[in-house]
PDB file of all heavy atoms in Angstrom:
ATOM      1  N   LEU A   1      37.366 100.048-154.795  1.00  0.00           N
ATOM      2  CA  LEU A   1      37.059 101.441-155.169  1.00  0.00           C
ATOM      3  C   LEU A   1      36.362 102.170-154.023  1.00  0.00           C
ATOM      4  O   LEU A   1      36.697 103.320-153.708  1.00  0.00           O
ATOM      5  CB  LEU A   1      36.172 101.466-156.424  1.00  0.00           C
ATOM      6  CG  LEU A   1      36.828 100.948-157.718  1.00  0.00           C
ATOM      7  CD1 LEU A   1      35.812 100.887-158.850  1.00  0.00           C
ATOM      8  CD2 LEU A   1      38.005 101.835-158.110  1.00  0.00           C
ATOM      9  N   ALA A   2      35.394 101.490-153.388  1.00  0.00           N
ATOM     10  CA  ALA A   2      34.662 102.131-152.275  1.00  0.00           C
ATOM     11  C   ALA A   2      35.597 102.397-151.106  1.00  0.00           C
ATOM     12  O   ALA A   2      35.543 103.451-150.468  1.00  0.00           O
ATOM     13  CB  ALA A   2      33.497 101.244-151.826  1.00  0.00           C
ATOM     14  N   ALA A   3      36.501 101.443-150.825  1.00  0.00           N
ATOM     15  CA  ALA A   3      37.457 101.632-149.735  1.00  0.00           C
ATOM     16  C   ALA A   3      38.331 102.853-150.014  1.00  0.00           C
ATOM     17  O   ALA A   3      38.619 103.652-149.124  1.00  0.00           O
ATOM     18  CB  ALA A   3      38.325 100.388-149.574  1.00  0.00           C
ATOM     19  N   ALA A   4      38.731 103.009-151.283  1.00  0.00           N
ATOM     20  CA  ALA A   4      39.598 104.141-151.651  1.00  0.00           C
ATOM     21  C   ALA A   4      38.856 105.469-151.570  1.00  0.00           C
ATOM     22  O   ALA A   4      39.355 106.442-151.003  1.00  0.00           O
ATOM     23  CB  ALA A   4      40.150 103.930-153.057  1.00  0.00           C
ATOM     24  N   PHE A   5      37.644 105.507-152.144  1.00  0.00           N
ATOM     25  CA  PHE A   5      36.936 106.793-152.230  1.00  0.00           C
ATOM     26  C   PHE A   5      36.176 107.152-150.959  1.00  0.00           C
ATOM     27  O   PHE A   5      35.879 108.325-150.723  1.00  0.00           O
ATOM     28  CB  PHE A   5      35.981 106.793-153.440  1.00  0.00           C
ATOM     29  CG  PHE A   5      36.702 106.853-154.747  1.00  0.00           C
ATOM     30  CD1 PHE A   5      36.738 105.756-155.597  1.00  0.00           C
ATOM     31  CD2 PHE A   5      37.395 108.003-155.129  1.00  0.00           C
ATOM     32  CE1 PHE A   5      37.432 105.795-156.799  1.00  0.00           C
ATOM     33  CE2 PHE A   5      38.088 108.056-156.338  1.00  0.00           C
ATOM     34  CZ  PHE A   5      38.104 106.954-157.179  1.00  0.00           C
ATOM     35  N   MET A   6      35.850 106.144-150.137  1.00  0.00           N
ATOM     36  CA  MET A   6      35.051 106.428-148.938  1.00  0.00           C
ATOM     37  C   MET A   6      35.893 106.486-147.660  1.00  0.00           C
ATOM     38  O   MET A   6      35.357 106.691-146.579  1.00  0.00           O
ATOM     39  CB  MET A   6      33.950 105.371-148.777  1.00  0.00           C
ATOM     40  CG  MET A   6      32.936 105.364-149.911  1.00  0.00           C
ATOM     41  SD  MET A   6      32.015 106.920-150.047  1.00  0.00           S
ATOM     42  CE  MET A   6      30.852 106.728-148.692  1.00  0.00           C
ATOM     43  N   GLY A   7      37.213 106.301-147.802  1.00  0.00           N
ATOM     44  CA  GLY A   7      38.090 106.374-146.628  1.00  0.00           C
ATOM     45  C   GLY A   7      37.972 107.706-145.898  1.00  0.00           C
ATOM     46  O   GLY A   7      37.920 107.757-144.661  1.00  0.00           O
ATOM     47  N   HIS A   8      37.901 108.783-146.678  1.00  0.00           N
ATOM     48  CA  HIS A   8      37.767 110.119-146.066  1.00  0.00           C
ATOM     49  C   HIS A   8      36.418 110.272-145.369  1.00  0.00           C
ATOM     50  O   HIS A   8      36.308 110.929-144.336  1.00  0.00           O
ATOM     51  CB  HIS A   8      37.944 111.215-147.133  1.00  0.00           C
ATOM     52  CG  HIS A   8      39.367 111.360-147.590  1.00  0.00           C
ATOM     53  ND1 HIS A   8      40.333 111.971-146.824  1.00  0.00           N
ATOM     54  CD2 HIS A   8      39.991 110.947-148.722  1.00  0.00           C
ATOM     55  CE1 HIS A   8      41.489 111.951-147.474  1.00  0.00           C
ATOM     56  NE2 HIS A   8      41.307 111.323-148.611  1.00  0.00           N
ATOM     57  N   PHE A   9      35.386 109.639-145.958  1.00  0.00           N
ATOM     58  CA  PHE A   9      34.040 109.671-145.355  1.00  0.00           C
ATOM     59  C   PHE A   9      34.076 109.009-143.972  1.00  0.00           C
ATOM     60  O   PHE A   9      33.510 109.529-143.003  1.00  0.00           O
ATOM     61  CB  PHE A   9      33.054 108.932-146.276  1.00  0.00           C
ATOM     62  CG  PHE A   9      31.651 108.834-145.719  1.00  0.00           C
ATOM     63  CD1 PHE A   9      30.718 109.837-145.955  1.00  0.00           C
ATOM     64  CD2 PHE A   9      31.257 107.743-144.945  1.00  0.00           C
ATOM     65  CE1 PHE A   9      29.429 109.752-145.433  1.00  0.00           C
ATOM     66  CE2 PHE A   9      29.979 107.643-144.412  1.00  0.00           C
ATOM     67  CZ  PHE A   9      29.065 108.663-144.671  1.00  0.00           C
ATOM     68  N   VAL A  10      34.781 107.869-143.889  1.00  0.00           N
ATOM     69  CA  VAL A  10      34.902 107.137-142.617  1.00  0.00           C
ATOM     70  C   VAL A  10      35.594 108.018-141.570  1.00  0.00           C
ATOM     71  O   VAL A  10      35.163 108.103-140.421  1.00  0.00           O
ATOM     72  CB  VAL A  10      35.690 105.812-142.814  1.00  0.00           C
ATOM     73  CG1 VAL A  10      35.962 105.126-141.485  1.00  0.00           C
ATOM     74  CG2 VAL A  10      34.911 104.862-143.735  1.00  0.00           C
ATOM     75  N   GLU A  11      36.674 108.691-141.988  1.00  0.00           N
ATOM     76  CA  GLU A  11      37.415 109.551-141.047  1.00  0.00           C
ATOM     77  C   GLU A  11      36.565 110.745-140.603  1.00  0.00           C
ATOM     78  O   GLU A  11      36.603 111.154-139.448  1.00  0.00           O
ATOM     79  CB  GLU A  11      38.720 110.063-141.698  1.00  0.00           C
ATOM     80  CG  GLU A  11      39.742 108.967-141.991  1.00  0.00           C
ATOM     81  CD  GLU A  11      40.269 108.285-140.737  1.00  0.00           C
ATOM     82  OE1 GLU A  11      40.114 108.825-139.629  1.00  0.00           O
ATOM     83  OE2 GLU A  11      40.839 107.189-140.875  1.00  0.00           O
ATOM     84  N   LYS A  12      35.800 111.292-141.528  1.00  0.00           N
ATOM     85  CA  LYS A  12      35.030 112.512-141.236  1.00  0.00           C
ATOM     86  C   LYS A  12      33.796 112.222-140.386  1.00  0.00           C
ATOM     87  O   LYS A  12      33.486 112.948-139.445  1.00  0.00           O
ATOM     88  CB  LYS A  12      34.617 113.181-142.558  1.00  0.00           C
ATOM     89  CG  LYS A  12      33.961 114.549-142.367  1.00  0.00           C
ATOM     90  CD  LYS A  12      33.613 115.178-143.705  1.00  0.00           C
ATOM     91  CE  LYS A  12      32.825 116.458-143.504  1.00  0.00           C
ATOM     92  NZ  LYS A  12      32.332 117.010-144.784  1.00  0.00           N
ATOM     93  N   HIS A  13      33.067 111.156-140.713  1.00  0.00           N
ATOM     94  CA  HIS A  13      31.769 110.910-140.064  1.00  0.00           C
ATOM     95  C   HIS A  13      31.820 109.866-138.953  1.00  0.00           C
ATOM     96  O   HIS A  13      30.824 109.644-138.266  1.00  0.00           O
ATOM     97  CB  HIS A  13      30.723 110.517-141.115  1.00  0.00           C
ATOM     98  CG  HIS A  13      30.423 111.627-142.083  1.00  0.00           C
ATOM     99  ND1 HIS A  13      29.650 112.714-141.743  1.00  0.00           N
ATOM    100  CD2 HIS A  13      30.835 111.818-143.356  1.00  0.00           C
ATOM    101  CE1 HIS A  13      29.582 113.529-142.792  1.00  0.00           C
ATOM    102  NE2 HIS A  13      30.292 113.018-143.777  1.00  0.00           N
ATOM    103  N   GLY A  14      32.963 109.202-138.815  1.00  0.00           N
ATOM    104  CA  GLY A  14      33.105 108.254-137.715  1.00  0.00           C
ATOM    105  C   GLY A  14      32.584 106.870-138.058  1.00  0.00           C
ATOM    106  O   GLY A  14      31.856 106.681-139.035  1.00  0.00           O
ATOM    107  N   PRO A  15      32.933 105.869-137.232  1.00  0.00           N
ATOM    108  CA  PRO A  15      32.629 104.479-137.553  1.00  0.00           C
ATOM    109  C   PRO A  15      31.149 104.118-137.499  1.00  0.00           C
ATOM    110  O   PRO A  15      30.693 103.253-138.237  1.00  0.00           O
ATOM    111  CB  PRO A  15      33.417 103.694-136.504  1.00  0.00           C
ATOM    112  CG  PRO A  15      33.643 104.654-135.380  1.00  0.00           C
ATOM    113  CD  PRO A  15      33.736 106.002-136.010  1.00  0.00           C
ATOM    114  N   ARG A  16      30.370 104.792-136.626  1.00  0.00           N
ATOM    115  CA  ARG A  16      28.951 104.417-136.501  1.00  0.00           C
ATOM    116  C   ARG A  16      28.193 104.721-137.796  1.00  0.00           C
ATOM    117  O   ARG A  16      27.531 103.850-138.367  1.00  0.00           O
ATOM    118  CB  ARG A  16      28.318 105.143-135.321  1.00  0.00           C
ATOM    119  CG  ARG A  16      26.864 104.677-135.063  1.00  0.00           C
ATOM    120  CD  ARG A  16      26.309 105.313-133.817  1.00  0.00           C
ATOM    121  NE  ARG A  16      27.089 104.962-132.651  1.00  0.00           N
ATOM    122  CZ  ARG A  16      27.312 105.794-131.620  1.00  0.00           C
ATOM    123  NH1 ARG A  16      26.824 107.004-131.628  1.00  0.00           N
ATOM    124  NH2 ARG A  16      28.035 105.387-130.594  1.00  0.00           N
ATOM    125  N   LYS A  17      28.317 105.983-138.263  1.00  0.00           N
ATOM    126  CA  LYS A  17      27.607 106.361-139.499  1.00  0.00           C
ATOM    127  C   LYS A  17      28.124 105.545-140.684  1.00  0.00           C
ATOM    128  O   LYS A  17      27.342 105.103-141.533  1.00  0.00           O
ATOM    129  CB  LYS A  17      27.819 107.855-139.788  1.00  0.00           C
ATOM    130  CG  LYS A  17      26.853 108.762-139.034  1.00  0.00           C
ATOM    131  CD  LYS A  17      27.014 110.195-139.469  1.00  0.00           C
ATOM    132  CE  LYS A  17      26.174 111.116-138.602  1.00  0.00           C
ATOM    133  NZ  LYS A  17      26.530 112.531-138.779  1.00  0.00           N
ATOM    134  N   SER A  18      29.438 105.357-140.748  1.00  0.00           N
ATOM    135  CA  SER A  18      30.021 104.590-141.857  1.00  0.00           C
ATOM    136  C   SER A  18      29.513 103.151-141.835  1.00  0.00           C
ATOM    137  O   SER A  18      29.191 102.583-142.875  1.00  0.00           O
ATOM    138  CB  SER A  18      31.549 104.574-141.757  1.00  0.00           C
ATOM    139  OG  SER A  18      32.042 105.878-141.663  1.00  0.00           O
ATOM    140  N   GLY A  19      29.447 102.567-140.635  1.00  0.00           N
ATOM    141  CA  GLY A  19      28.942 101.199-140.494  1.00  0.00           C
ATOM    142  C   GLY A  19      27.500 101.077-140.953  1.00  0.00           C
ATOM    143  O   GLY A  19      27.116 100.093-141.594  1.00  0.00           O
ATOM    144  N   ILE A  20      26.691 102.089-140.644  1.00  0.00           N
ATOM    145  CA  ILE A  20      25.268 102.068-141.047  1.00  0.00           C
ATOM    146  C   ILE A  20      25.140 102.191-142.568  1.00  0.00           C
ATOM    147  O   ILE A  20      24.333 101.489-143.193  1.00  0.00           O
ATOM    148  CB  ILE A  20      24.474 103.176-140.303  1.00  0.00           C
ATOM    149  CG1 ILE A  20      24.365 102.800-138.812  1.00  0.00           C
ATOM    150  CG2 ILE A  20      23.091 103.371-140.915  1.00  0.00           C
ATOM    151  CD1 ILE A  20      23.858 103.911-137.910  1.00  0.00           C
ATOM    152  N   VAL A  21      25.974 103.052-143.189  1.00  0.00           N
ATOM    153  CA  VAL A  21      25.967 103.182-144.657  1.00  0.00           C
ATOM    154  C   VAL A  21      26.347 101.841-145.289  1.00  0.00           C
ATOM    155  O   VAL A  21      25.710 101.380-146.247  1.00  0.00           O
ATOM    156  CB  VAL A  21      26.932 104.308-145.131  1.00  0.00           C
ATOM    157  CG1 VAL A  21      27.102 104.275-146.647  1.00  0.00           C
ATOM    158  CG2 VAL A  21      26.439 105.673-144.681  1.00  0.00           C
ATOM    159  N   SER A  22      27.366 101.196-144.731  1.00  0.00           N
ATOM    160  CA  SER A  22      27.795  99.883-145.215  1.00  0.00           C
ATOM    161  C   SER A  22      26.662  98.858-145.091  1.00  0.00           C
ATOM    162  O   SER A  22      26.395  98.086-146.018  1.00  0.00           O
ATOM    163  CB  SER A  22      29.020  99.421-144.404  1.00  0.00           C
ATOM    164  OG  SER A  22      29.220  98.042-144.547  1.00  0.00           O
ATOM    165  N   THR A  23      25.978  98.880-143.943  1.00  0.00           N
ATOM    166  CA  THR A  23      24.863  97.956-143.676  1.00  0.00           C
ATOM    167  C   THR A  23      23.762  98.110-144.719  1.00  0.00           C
ATOM    168  O   THR A  23      23.255  97.120-145.272  1.00  0.00           O
ATOM    169  CB  THR A  23      24.280  98.228-142.271  1.00  0.00           C
ATOM    170  OG1 THR A  23      25.315  98.082-141.305  1.00  0.00           O
ATOM    171  CG2 THR A  23      23.147  97.266-141.947  1.00  0.00           C
ATOM    172  N   ILE A  24      23.405  99.363-145.002  1.00  0.00           N
ATOM    173  CA  ILE A  24      22.320  99.639-145.962  1.00  0.00           C
ATOM    174  C   ILE A  24      22.713  99.135-147.356  1.00  0.00           C
ATOM    175  O   ILE A  24      21.939  98.448-148.026  1.00  0.00           O
ATOM    176  CB  ILE A  24      21.982 101.150-145.981  1.00  0.00           C
ATOM    177  CG1 ILE A  24      21.323 101.542-144.653  1.00  0.00           C
ATOM    178  CG2 ILE A  24      21.080 101.502-147.158  1.00  0.00           C
ATOM    179  CD1 ILE A  24      21.250 103.043-144.393  1.00  0.00           C
TER     180      ILE A  24
END
């Protein structure tokens, strides 16, 4: 579900921010 709904977030904010959100 997260992969589906957050895919656009990854594209918009880039891998660094997305990686940090994942880490948290």
